[in-house]
Amino acid sequence: MSEQPSRTRRRLLQTLGAAGLGALAGCASLDGPSQDGDTPSITSKTPPADPADYEATVRAASGTVQPGGDLASETWVYNDQFPGPELRAKAGDVVAFELQNELPAETTIHWHGVPVANEMDGVPQVTQQPVAGGESFTYKFRAEPPGTYFYHSHVGLQLDRGLFGPLIIEESDPHVEYDREYTIVLDDYLTREPQPLFGEDSFGSGGMMGTQRPPYAGLLVNGRSAADPAVFDVREGERVRLRFINASSATLFQVQLGGHPMTVSHADGRPVDPVTVDGFQFGSGERYDTILEATNPGTWEIRATPLNGSEPPARAAITYDGVEPSSPVGPSQSNNLLSYGDLRARSPLSGVSGNPDRTFDLSLSPGGPSGQWLIDGQAYPEADPLQIRSGEHVRVRMTNQSPVPHPMHLHGHFFQVGDAVKDTVVVPGHMGQETFDFVADNPGDWLFHCHNLYHLEAGMARVIEYVD
């Protein structure tokens, strides 16, 4: 069965004007200067005109996935790999990635976490027309800032088919020393075509207020199941950088490592003052880099336990060179888990101190028996945009009126949560709250949404729209 994008953005600009400008959910009038005087003029980013320093082709096509055990399936992948190939560039390089669509459906690529020019962001009907089967599109942008990111389709439920891969932008001068590094991609895995959680074509599993998840066959590390796990070799005395990416569609993971603490060095690609913990939790779309001090020879388990699912944990192994093969030793129970309050950005955002120019107070809630997920009572695409002006300091306060967490992701910008700089933040369930601040420094229409793919598909999104 071919997959088609199930939602098309309403042509909001046709209905704006004086009445539209007054209908702004949770924010003040757009009239008047900024708190610090006139709103500064900020020019929209454009794709770089310089020749590309690094070029690659990303081919979306059908392929066979074999994670181990009895989990093989036919699905959609990039370049016949699962996850897709790791794309790497040096900070400041101009990159050109050609998407070749060999699928029986339209598709796009979104460069998750990278504040690219608007027309390179890959959101269908918002920043570009989707790429039809048999056609291609080249995404060109400057690879900055350095960090751990990933790329994925932003059409329908295609991410949950397997259309994703890591994107690494290398620092010229890292603030932490390390001898080698590994990228660790976590995923929830289906052996069948993804379907919405509600409606005639849904998985049909029911569940109060849409708290259920798809019937995942397993949880994977770098495309491998616990039956045939990924293994990462280290040498005693090394410092090893582990780049963790939560590329799942609907899973909040708790990550721990047997026999070793982990020192968190980056959050969502951005450097933080190193903080040593026994584990961390992260939602779909979040990334953490950690440093492992290889001082305890043996074979040790990396364990990623689902916090909102019943599947067995995803597992991989750290193996020291010269150690006799053995079953990996798992982590012990710990109360020393990372929290957002532990994170201190080494380069905090400028322009977000003091009172904001604009504040949005948003509720996140289920939409009743229709299975919709809402932001301030509205379901995307039939939802009003959140309108801002260039140069403003914008504050977004979110209250989660549902029992399940929502990893909320903003395109085109970094934001500040407490003392951390991120692009995705998990809002806990049961009236949990989170607040972030950002500077409106990248004009265009940008998607703001829950990165639980099934909540996004059911309407938990808004367009943040720059207006004159």
Protein backbone atom coordinates (compact mmCIF):
# COMPACT_ATOMS: atom_id res chain seq x y z
CA MET A 1 0.00 0.00 0.00
CA SER A 2 1.42 3.37 -0.93
CA GLU A 3 1.62 6.06 1.70
CA GLN A 4 0.37 9.56 1.03
CA PRO A 5 0.65 12.63 3.25
CA SER A 6 -2.58 12.68 5.21
CA ARG A 7 -2.52 16.33 6.19
CA THR A 8 -2.21 19.47 4.10
CA ARG A 9 -1.59 22.83 5.68
CA ARG A 10 -4.55 25.16 5.43
CA ARG A 11 -3.79 28.28 3.41
CA LEU A 12 -3.81 30.49 6.46
CA LEU A 13 -2.62 33.62 4.74
CA GLN A 14 -5.82 33.78 2.74
CA THR A 15 -7.84 34.27 5.92
CA LEU A 16 -5.55 36.69 7.71
CA GLY A 17 -5.90 40.43 7.71
CA ALA A 18 -7.20 42.59 10.53
CA ALA A 19 -9.43 39.89 11.99
CA GLY A 20 -6.77 37.18 11.62
CA LEU A 21 -4.11 39.28 13.31
CA GLY A 22 -6.33 39.62 16.34
CA ALA A 23 -6.91 35.89 16.74
CA LEU A 24 -3.60 34.98 18.34
CA ALA A 25 -3.74 32.11 20.77
CA GLY A 26 -2.15 32.98 24.10
CA CYS A 27 -0.23 36.08 23.05
CA ALA A 28 -0.37 39.86 23.09
CA SER A 29 -1.01 42.21 20.20
CA LEU A 30 1.61 42.36 17.48
CA ASP A 31 1.59 46.15 17.60
CA GLY A 32 4.30 48.13 19.32
CA PRO A 33 8.07 48.01 19.75
CA SER A 34 10.11 45.38 21.51
CA GLN A 35 10.80 45.66 25.23
CA ASP A 36 14.22 47.10 24.37
CA GLY A 37 13.05 49.52 21.71
CA ASP A 38 12.27 49.00 18.04
CA THR A 39 12.25 45.43 16.83
CA PRO A 40 15.55 44.81 15.02
CA SER A 41 15.50 43.95 11.34
CA ILE A 42 16.61 40.37 10.67
CA THR A 43 17.12 39.04 7.17
CA SER A 44 15.82 35.62 6.23
CA LYS A 45 18.46 32.96 5.79
CA THR A 46 19.08 31.83 2.24
CA PRO A 47 20.84 28.68 1.02
CA PRO A 48 24.57 29.41 0.52
CA ALA A 49 25.70 30.34 -2.97
CA ASP A 50 29.16 28.84 -2.44
CA PRO A 51 29.99 25.50 -4.07
CA ALA A 52 29.39 22.49 -1.84
CA ASP A 53 32.30 21.21 0.23
CA TYR A 54 30.51 17.91 0.72
CA GLU A 55 27.90 16.24 -1.49
CA ALA A 56 25.94 13.05 -0.98
CA THR A 57 22.93 11.29 -2.44
CA VAL A 58 20.17 10.05 -0.16
CA ARG A 59 18.01 7.54 -2.02
CA ALA A 60 14.61 6.71 -0.51
CA ALA A 61 13.43 3.29 -1.70
CA SER A 62 11.96 -0.01 -0.59
CA GLY A 63 14.33 -2.36 1.18
CA THR A 64 14.64 -5.37 3.44
CA VAL A 65 15.41 -4.82 7.11
CA GLN A 66 16.95 -7.64 9.18
CA PRO A 67 17.43 -6.52 12.79
CA GLY A 68 18.01 -10.06 14.07
CA GLY A 69 15.79 -12.80 15.41
CA ASP A 70 12.49 -13.09 13.53
CA LEU A 71 12.12 -9.34 12.92
CA ALA A 72 12.91 -9.12 9.19
CA SER A 73 10.53 -6.98 7.15
CA GLU A 74 10.10 -5.13 3.87
CA THR A 75 9.95 -1.40 4.46
CA TRP A 76 11.32 1.96 3.25
CA VAL A 77 14.92 2.95 3.87
CA TYR A 78 17.67 5.33 2.77
CA ASN A 79 20.49 3.97 0.59
CA ASP A 80 19.56 0.35 1.38
CA GLN A 81 20.63 0.89 5.01
CA PHE A 82 18.78 0.83 8.31
CA PRO A 83 19.19 3.31 9.87
CA GLY A 84 20.20 5.43 6.89
CA PRO A 85 23.87 6.26 6.27
CA GLU A 86 25.62 8.52 8.74
CA LEU A 87 26.17 11.88 7.05
CA ARG A 88 29.17 13.84 8.36
CA ALA A 89 30.50 17.30 7.66
CA LYS A 90 32.86 19.74 9.33
CA ALA A 91 31.34 22.80 10.96
CA GLY A 92 31.08 25.59 8.39
CA ASP A 93 31.10 23.30 5.36
CA VAL A 94 28.54 23.89 2.65
CA VAL A 95 26.71 20.61 2.14
CA ALA A 96 24.44 19.47 -0.68
CA PHE A 97 22.31 16.38 -0.11
CA GLU A 98 20.28 15.19 -3.10
CA LEU A 99 17.13 13.31 -2.16
CA GLN A 100 16.23 10.79 -4.87
CA ASN A 101 12.71 9.53 -4.34
CA GLU A 102 12.18 5.98 -5.59
CA LEU A 103 9.14 5.41 -3.38
CA PRO A 104 5.53 5.00 -4.54
CA ALA A 105 4.69 8.13 -2.52
CA GLU A 106 5.78 11.72 -1.97
CA THR A 107 8.50 12.38 0.59
CA THR A 108 10.84 15.03 2.04
CA ILE A 109 13.85 15.20 4.38
CA HIS A 110 13.96 17.31 7.55
CA TRP A 111 17.36 18.07 9.14
CA HIS A 112 16.31 17.73 12.75
CA GLY A 113 17.87 20.36 15.00
CA VAL A 114 19.83 22.25 12.33
CA PRO A 115 18.56 25.85 11.86
CA VAL A 116 18.68 25.79 8.05
CA ALA A 117 17.17 28.29 5.64
CA ASN A 118 13.39 27.94 5.62
CA GLU A 119 13.11 26.40 2.15
CA MET A 120 15.58 23.66 3.16
CA ASP A 121 13.64 22.50 6.25
CA GLY A 122 11.66 19.73 4.55
CA VAL A 123 8.15 20.19 5.95
CA PRO A 124 5.56 19.44 3.25
CA GLN A 125 3.10 22.24 2.48
CA VAL A 126 4.89 24.55 4.93
CA THR A 127 8.44 24.99 3.66
CA GLN A 128 8.37 22.99 0.41
CA GLN A 129 6.21 20.95 -1.89
CA PRO A 130 6.85 17.25 -1.25
CA VAL A 131 9.10 15.42 -3.70
CA ALA A 132 7.07 13.10 -5.94
CA GLY A 133 8.08 9.53 -6.71
CA GLY A 134 10.68 9.44 -9.46
CA GLU A 135 11.83 13.00 -8.75
CA SER A 136 14.66 14.54 -6.75
CA PHE A 137 15.41 17.62 -4.68
CA THR A 138 18.75 18.94 -3.41
CA TYR A 139 18.97 20.32 0.11
CA LYS A 140 21.83 22.79 0.44
CA PHE A 141 22.88 24.48 3.66
CA ARG A 142 25.87 25.43 5.73
CA ALA A 143 26.65 22.78 8.33
CA GLU A 144 26.44 24.74 11.55
CA PRO A 145 26.52 24.72 14.46
CA PRO A 146 28.47 21.54 15.24
CA GLY A 147 26.64 18.79 17.05
CA THR A 148 24.72 15.52 16.94
CA TYR A 149 21.60 15.70 14.75
CA PHE A 150 19.58 13.38 12.55
CA TYR A 151 17.57 13.49 9.35
CA HIS A 152 14.21 11.93 8.59
CA SER A 153 11.17 12.07 6.38
CA HIS A 154 8.57 14.60 7.47
CA VAL A 155 5.69 13.13 5.45
CA GLY A 156 2.95 11.25 7.26
CA LEU A 157 4.20 8.25 9.23
CA GLN A 158 7.20 7.58 6.99
CA LEU A 159 9.72 8.03 9.80
CA ASP A 160 8.25 4.92 11.46
CA ARG A 161 8.91 2.91 8.31
CA GLY A 162 12.66 3.48 8.67
CA LEU A 163 13.36 6.74 6.82
CA PHE A 164 15.90 8.27 9.20
CA GLY A 165 19.65 8.43 9.76
CA PRO A 166 22.26 10.30 11.83
CA LEU A 167 23.77 13.64 10.84
CA ILE A 168 27.01 14.66 12.58
CA ILE A 169 28.56 18.13 12.29
CA GLU A 170 32.09 17.98 13.67
CA GLU A 171 33.61 20.61 15.97
CA SER A 172 36.99 22.08 15.14
CA ASP A 173 37.84 22.35 18.86
CA PRO A 174 35.68 20.14 21.13
CA HIS A 175 35.41 21.22 24.76
CA VAL A 176 35.85 17.60 25.91
CA GLU A 177 38.71 15.28 25.01
CA TYR A 178 38.04 11.82 23.58
CA ASP A 179 39.94 9.13 21.71
CA ARG A 180 37.18 7.58 19.64
CA GLU A 181 33.44 7.96 19.17
CA TYR A 182 30.33 5.98 18.30
CA THR A 183 26.88 7.08 17.19
CA ILE A 184 24.07 5.16 18.92
CA VAL A 185 20.62 5.43 17.33
CA LEU A 186 17.62 4.17 19.30
CA ASP A 187 14.41 3.23 17.54
CA ASP A 188 11.05 1.53 18.01
CA TYR A 189 10.52 -0.98 15.23
CA LEU A 190 7.45 -2.08 13.28
CA THR A 191 7.29 -5.14 11.03
CA ARG A 192 4.20 -3.79 9.28
CA GLU A 193 3.16 -0.57 7.61
CA PRO A 194 2.50 2.19 10.17
CA GLN A 195 -1.09 3.31 10.55
CA PRO A 196 -2.76 6.04 12.62
CA LEU A 197 -3.87 5.04 16.09
CA PHE A 198 -7.50 5.97 15.36
CA GLY A 199 -9.88 5.77 12.42
CA GLU A 200 -10.85 3.15 9.84
CA ASP A 201 -7.25 2.48 8.80
CA SER A 202 -5.83 2.52 12.34
CA PHE A 203 -3.97 -0.18 14.23
CA GLY A 204 -7.24 -0.54 16.12
CA SER A 205 -5.75 -1.19 19.52
CA GLY A 206 -7.96 1.25 21.42
CA GLY A 207 -6.92 2.93 24.62
CA MET A 208 -7.97 5.78 26.82
CA MET A 209 -7.16 9.24 25.43
CA GLY A 210 -4.79 7.84 22.84
CA THR A 211 -2.22 6.72 25.39
CA GLN A 212 -1.48 3.55 23.46
CA ARG A 213 1.42 3.12 21.07
CA PRO A 214 1.68 1.09 17.87
CA PRO A 215 2.27 -2.67 18.22
CA TYR A 216 6.06 -2.45 18.06
CA ALA A 217 7.88 -5.70 17.37
CA GLY A 218 10.94 -4.57 19.28
CA LEU A 219 13.32 -1.78 20.26
CA LEU A 220 16.61 -1.43 18.42
CA VAL A 221 20.12 0.02 18.73
CA ASN A 222 21.61 0.98 15.37
CA GLY A 223 19.05 -1.22 13.64
CA ARG A 224 19.95 -4.30 15.73
CA SER A 225 17.73 -6.18 18.15
CA ALA A 226 18.85 -7.77 21.40
CA ALA A 227 18.98 -11.09 19.53
CA ASP A 228 21.89 -9.80 17.44
CA PRO A 229 23.08 -6.69 19.28
CA ALA A 230 25.41 -3.94 18.14
CA VAL A 231 28.85 -4.19 19.77
CA PHE A 232 31.18 -1.22 20.38
CA ASP A 233 34.88 -1.98 20.96
CA VAL A 234 36.97 0.11 23.36
CA ARG A 235 40.48 -0.04 24.79
CA GLU A 236 41.28 0.32 28.45
CA GLY A 237 42.25 3.90 29.26
CA GLU A 238 40.37 5.48 26.36
CA ARG A 239 37.82 8.25 26.58
CA VAL A 240 34.96 7.32 24.27
CA ARG A 241 32.31 9.74 23.02
CA LEU A 242 28.88 8.14 22.66
CA ARG A 243 26.40 10.16 20.59
CA PHE A 244 22.90 8.99 21.57
CA ILE A 245 20.00 9.81 19.22
CA ASN A 246 16.38 9.01 20.04
CA ALA A 247 15.03 8.47 16.52
CA SER A 248 11.97 6.60 17.77
CA SER A 249 8.48 7.55 16.72
CA ALA A 250 6.76 7.09 20.08
CA THR A 251 9.16 5.94 22.82
CA LEU A 252 10.67 7.65 25.84
CA PHE A 253 13.85 5.77 26.81
CA GLN A 254 15.91 5.51 29.99
CA VAL A 255 19.53 4.84 29.03
CA GLN A 256 22.14 3.28 31.34
CA LEU A 257 25.50 1.58 30.92
CA GLY A 258 26.75 -1.35 32.94
CA GLY A 259 29.90 -0.84 35.02
CA HIS A 260 30.42 2.83 34.19
CA PRO A 261 28.93 6.26 34.86
CA MET A 262 28.40 8.56 31.88
CA THR A 263 29.50 12.18 31.64
CA VAL A 264 27.01 14.20 29.59
CA SER A 265 28.83 16.70 27.38
CA HIS A 266 26.16 17.83 24.88
CA ALA A 267 22.38 18.20 24.85
CA ASP A 268 20.64 18.28 21.45
CA GLY A 269 24.04 18.86 19.88
CA ARG A 270 24.92 21.91 21.98
CA PRO A 271 27.83 21.77 24.45
CA VAL A 272 27.14 21.78 28.19
CA ASP A 273 29.38 21.81 31.23
CA PRO A 274 30.18 18.11 31.74
CA VAL A 275 27.92 16.44 34.31
CA THR A 276 28.39 12.86 35.47
CA VAL A 277 25.30 10.69 35.94
CA ASP A 278 24.36 7.02 36.01
CA GLY A 279 21.81 7.42 33.23
CA PHE A 280 19.40 9.72 31.44
CA GLN A 281 15.92 9.73 29.99
CA PHE A 282 15.10 11.25 26.62
CA GLY A 283 12.11 11.56 24.34
CA SER A 284 11.71 11.22 20.59
CA GLY A 285 13.93 13.74 18.83
CA GLU A 286 16.28 14.43 21.76
CA ARG A 287 20.02 13.71 21.67
CA TYR A 288 22.69 13.43 24.37
CA ASP A 289 26.44 13.01 23.93
CA THR A 290 28.29 11.31 26.77
CA ILE A 291 31.92 10.52 27.58
CA LEU A 292 32.78 7.02 28.77
CA GLU A 293 35.99 6.57 30.78
CA ALA A 294 37.11 3.05 29.80
CA THR A 295 38.58 2.06 33.16
CA ASN A 296 36.65 -1.14 33.94
CA PRO A 297 37.58 -3.98 31.53
CA GLY A 298 34.87 -6.44 30.65
CA THR A 299 31.78 -6.72 28.49
CA TRP A 300 29.07 -4.28 29.54
CA GLU A 301 25.51 -3.72 28.46
CA ILE A 302 24.05 -0.50 27.09
CA ARG A 303 20.40 -0.72 28.08
CA ALA A 304 17.59 1.54 26.83
CA THR A 305 14.39 0.80 28.71
CA PRO A 306 11.05 2.10 27.39
CA LEU A 307 9.28 4.27 29.93
CA ASN A 308 5.98 4.34 28.04
CA GLY A 309 5.92 0.85 26.54
CA SER A 310 6.05 -2.80 27.54
CA GLU A 311 8.66 -4.07 25.06
CA PRO A 312 11.91 -5.56 26.38
CA PRO A 313 14.71 -2.96 26.50
CA ALA A 314 16.92 -2.20 23.53
CA ARG A 315 20.39 -3.57 24.21
CA ALA A 316 23.92 -3.22 22.86
CA ALA A 317 27.34 -4.02 24.29
CA ILE A 318 30.60 -2.26 25.13
CA THR A 319 33.49 -4.75 24.83
CA TYR A 320 37.08 -4.09 25.88
CA ASP A 321 39.81 -5.25 23.54
CA GLY A 322 41.51 -8.43 24.75
CA VAL A 323 38.66 -9.48 27.04
CA GLU A 324 37.31 -13.00 26.61
CA PRO A 325 33.79 -12.96 25.10
CA SER A 326 31.05 -13.14 27.71
CA SER A 327 27.46 -12.10 28.28
CA PRO A 328 27.25 -8.33 28.85
CA VAL A 329 26.82 -7.24 32.45
CA GLY A 330 23.85 -4.92 32.86
CA PRO A 331 23.58 -1.65 34.77
CA SER A 332 22.63 -1.51 38.43
CA GLN A 333 19.67 0.46 39.66
CA SER A 334 20.39 4.13 40.15
CA ASN A 335 18.71 7.27 41.37
CA ASN A 336 21.33 9.55 39.81
CA LEU A 337 19.54 10.32 36.55
CA LEU A 338 20.07 13.44 34.49
CA SER A 339 17.51 16.25 34.74
CA TYR A 340 17.20 19.41 32.67
CA GLY A 341 18.24 21.35 35.76
CA ASP A 342 21.66 19.64 35.65
CA LEU A 343 22.46 21.12 32.24
CA ARG A 344 24.48 24.33 31.89
CA ALA A 345 25.01 25.52 28.33
CA ARG A 346 28.55 26.60 27.55
CA SER A 347 27.15 29.10 25.03
CA PRO A 348 23.78 30.33 26.34
CA LEU A 349 21.48 32.08 23.91
CA SER A 350 21.82 35.83 23.75
CA GLY A 351 18.69 37.96 23.80
CA VAL A 352 16.56 35.78 26.10
CA SER A 353 17.24 37.42 29.44
CA GLY A 354 14.66 39.63 31.11
CA ASN A 355 11.01 39.93 30.13
CA PRO A 356 9.93 38.48 26.79
CA ASP A 357 8.35 40.54 24.02
CA ARG A 358 5.77 37.85 23.39
CA THR A 359 4.48 34.97 25.50
CA PHE A 360 2.39 31.99 24.44
CA ASP A 361 0.64 30.01 27.18
CA LEU A 362 -0.26 26.73 25.52
CA SER A 363 -2.16 23.66 26.71
CA LEU A 364 -1.38 20.21 25.34
CA SER A 365 -4.40 17.91 25.47
CA PRO A 366 -6.21 14.98 23.84
CA GLY A 367 -9.17 15.68 21.61
CA GLY A 368 -11.70 13.11 22.76
CA PRO A 369 -13.09 10.13 20.82
CA SER A 370 -11.85 11.46 17.47
CA GLY A 371 -8.32 10.67 18.63
CA GLN A 372 -6.97 14.16 17.94
CA TRP A 373 -4.15 15.73 19.89
CA LEU A 374 -4.49 19.47 20.45
CA ILE A 375 -2.47 22.58 21.18
CA ASP A 376 -4.73 25.11 22.88
CA GLY A 377 -7.79 23.19 21.73
CA GLN A 378 -6.90 23.22 18.03
CA ALA A 379 -5.68 20.41 15.78
CA TYR A 380 -3.25 21.03 12.94
CA PRO A 381 -3.68 21.76 10.08
CA GLU A 382 -6.97 23.46 10.99
CA ALA A 383 -5.19 25.59 13.59
CA ASP A 384 -4.29 29.25 13.84
CA PRO A 385 -0.61 30.12 13.42
CA LEU A 386 1.38 31.49 16.33
CA GLN A 387 2.54 34.83 15.00
CA ILE A 388 5.76 36.59 15.94
CA ARG A 389 7.99 39.37 14.65
CA SER A 390 11.67 39.28 13.71
CA GLY A 391 13.99 40.05 16.59
CA GLU A 392 11.53 39.35 19.36
CA HIS A 393 12.33 37.46 22.54
CA VAL A 394 9.58 34.83 22.57
CA ARG A 395 8.56 32.71 25.56
CA VAL A 396 6.50 29.52 25.24
CA ARG A 397 4.92 28.06 28.39
CA MET A 398 3.33 24.64 28.03
CA THR A 399 1.00 22.74 30.36
CA ASN A 400 0.38 19.08 29.60
CA GLN A 401 -3.23 18.21 30.40
CA SER A 402 -2.81 14.59 29.29
CA PRO A 403 -1.33 11.61 31.16
CA VAL A 404 1.45 11.02 28.61
CA PRO A 405 4.66 12.97 27.93
CA HIS A 406 5.01 15.14 24.84
CA PRO A 407 8.48 15.79 23.33
CA MET A 408 7.94 19.22 21.79
CA HIS A 409 10.24 20.26 18.92
CA LEU A 410 10.70 23.68 17.32
CA HIS A 411 12.03 23.88 13.77
CA GLY A 412 14.52 26.49 12.64
CA HIS A 413 15.65 27.66 16.08
CA PHE A 414 17.38 26.68 19.28
CA PHE A 415 15.67 27.59 22.51
CA GLN A 416 16.71 27.86 26.12
CA VAL A 417 15.21 25.64 28.84
CA GLY A 418 16.53 26.87 32.17
CA ASP A 419 20.28 26.99 31.54
CA ALA A 420 20.28 24.48 28.67
CA VAL A 421 20.12 25.21 24.93
CA LYS A 422 18.00 22.63 23.08
CA ASP A 423 15.56 22.15 20.21
CA THR A 424 13.34 19.46 21.77
CA VAL A 425 11.96 19.31 25.31
CA VAL A 426 9.78 16.69 27.01
CA VAL A 427 6.71 18.07 28.80
CA PRO A 428 5.72 15.50 31.48
CA GLY A 429 2.16 14.22 31.74
CA HIS A 430 -0.39 14.89 34.49
CA MET A 431 -0.26 18.72 34.34
CA GLY A 432 3.51 18.82 33.86
CA GLN A 433 4.92 22.11 32.65
CA GLU A 434 7.93 23.32 30.69
CA THR A 435 8.94 26.77 29.48
CA PHE A 436 11.40 27.73 26.78
CA ASP A 437 12.65 31.04 25.36
CA PHE A 438 14.03 31.81 21.92
CA VAL A 439 14.95 34.75 19.72
CA ALA A 440 13.02 35.17 16.49
CA ASP A 441 16.13 35.23 14.31
CA ASN A 442 15.20 32.97 11.36
CA PRO A 443 12.18 34.38 9.47
CA GLY A 444 9.74 32.07 7.75
CA ASP A 445 6.95 29.65 8.60
CA TRP A 446 8.22 26.99 11.02
CA LEU A 447 6.57 23.91 12.43
CA PHE A 448 6.29 23.49 16.21
CA HIS A 449 5.02 20.05 17.16
CA CYS A 450 5.08 16.97 19.32
CA HIS A 451 7.77 14.57 18.11
CA ASN A 452 5.67 11.57 19.03
CA LEU A 453 4.86 10.88 15.39
CA TYR A 454 1.34 9.68 16.14
CA HIS A 455 0.49 12.77 18.17
CA LEU A 456 1.80 14.96 15.34
CA GLU A 457 -0.24 13.03 12.79
CA ALA A 458 -3.31 13.50 15.00
CA GLY A 459 -2.92 17.28 15.11
CA MET A 460 -0.44 18.27 17.86
CA ALA A 461 1.33 20.96 15.86
CA ARG A 462 1.22 24.65 15.06
CA VAL A 463 2.97 26.85 12.54
CA ILE A 464 5.05 29.64 14.04
CA GLU A 465 4.70 32.42 11.51
CA TYR A 466 6.81 35.56 11.15
CA VAL A 467 4.75 38.60 10.18
CA ASP A 468 5.80 42.15 9.19
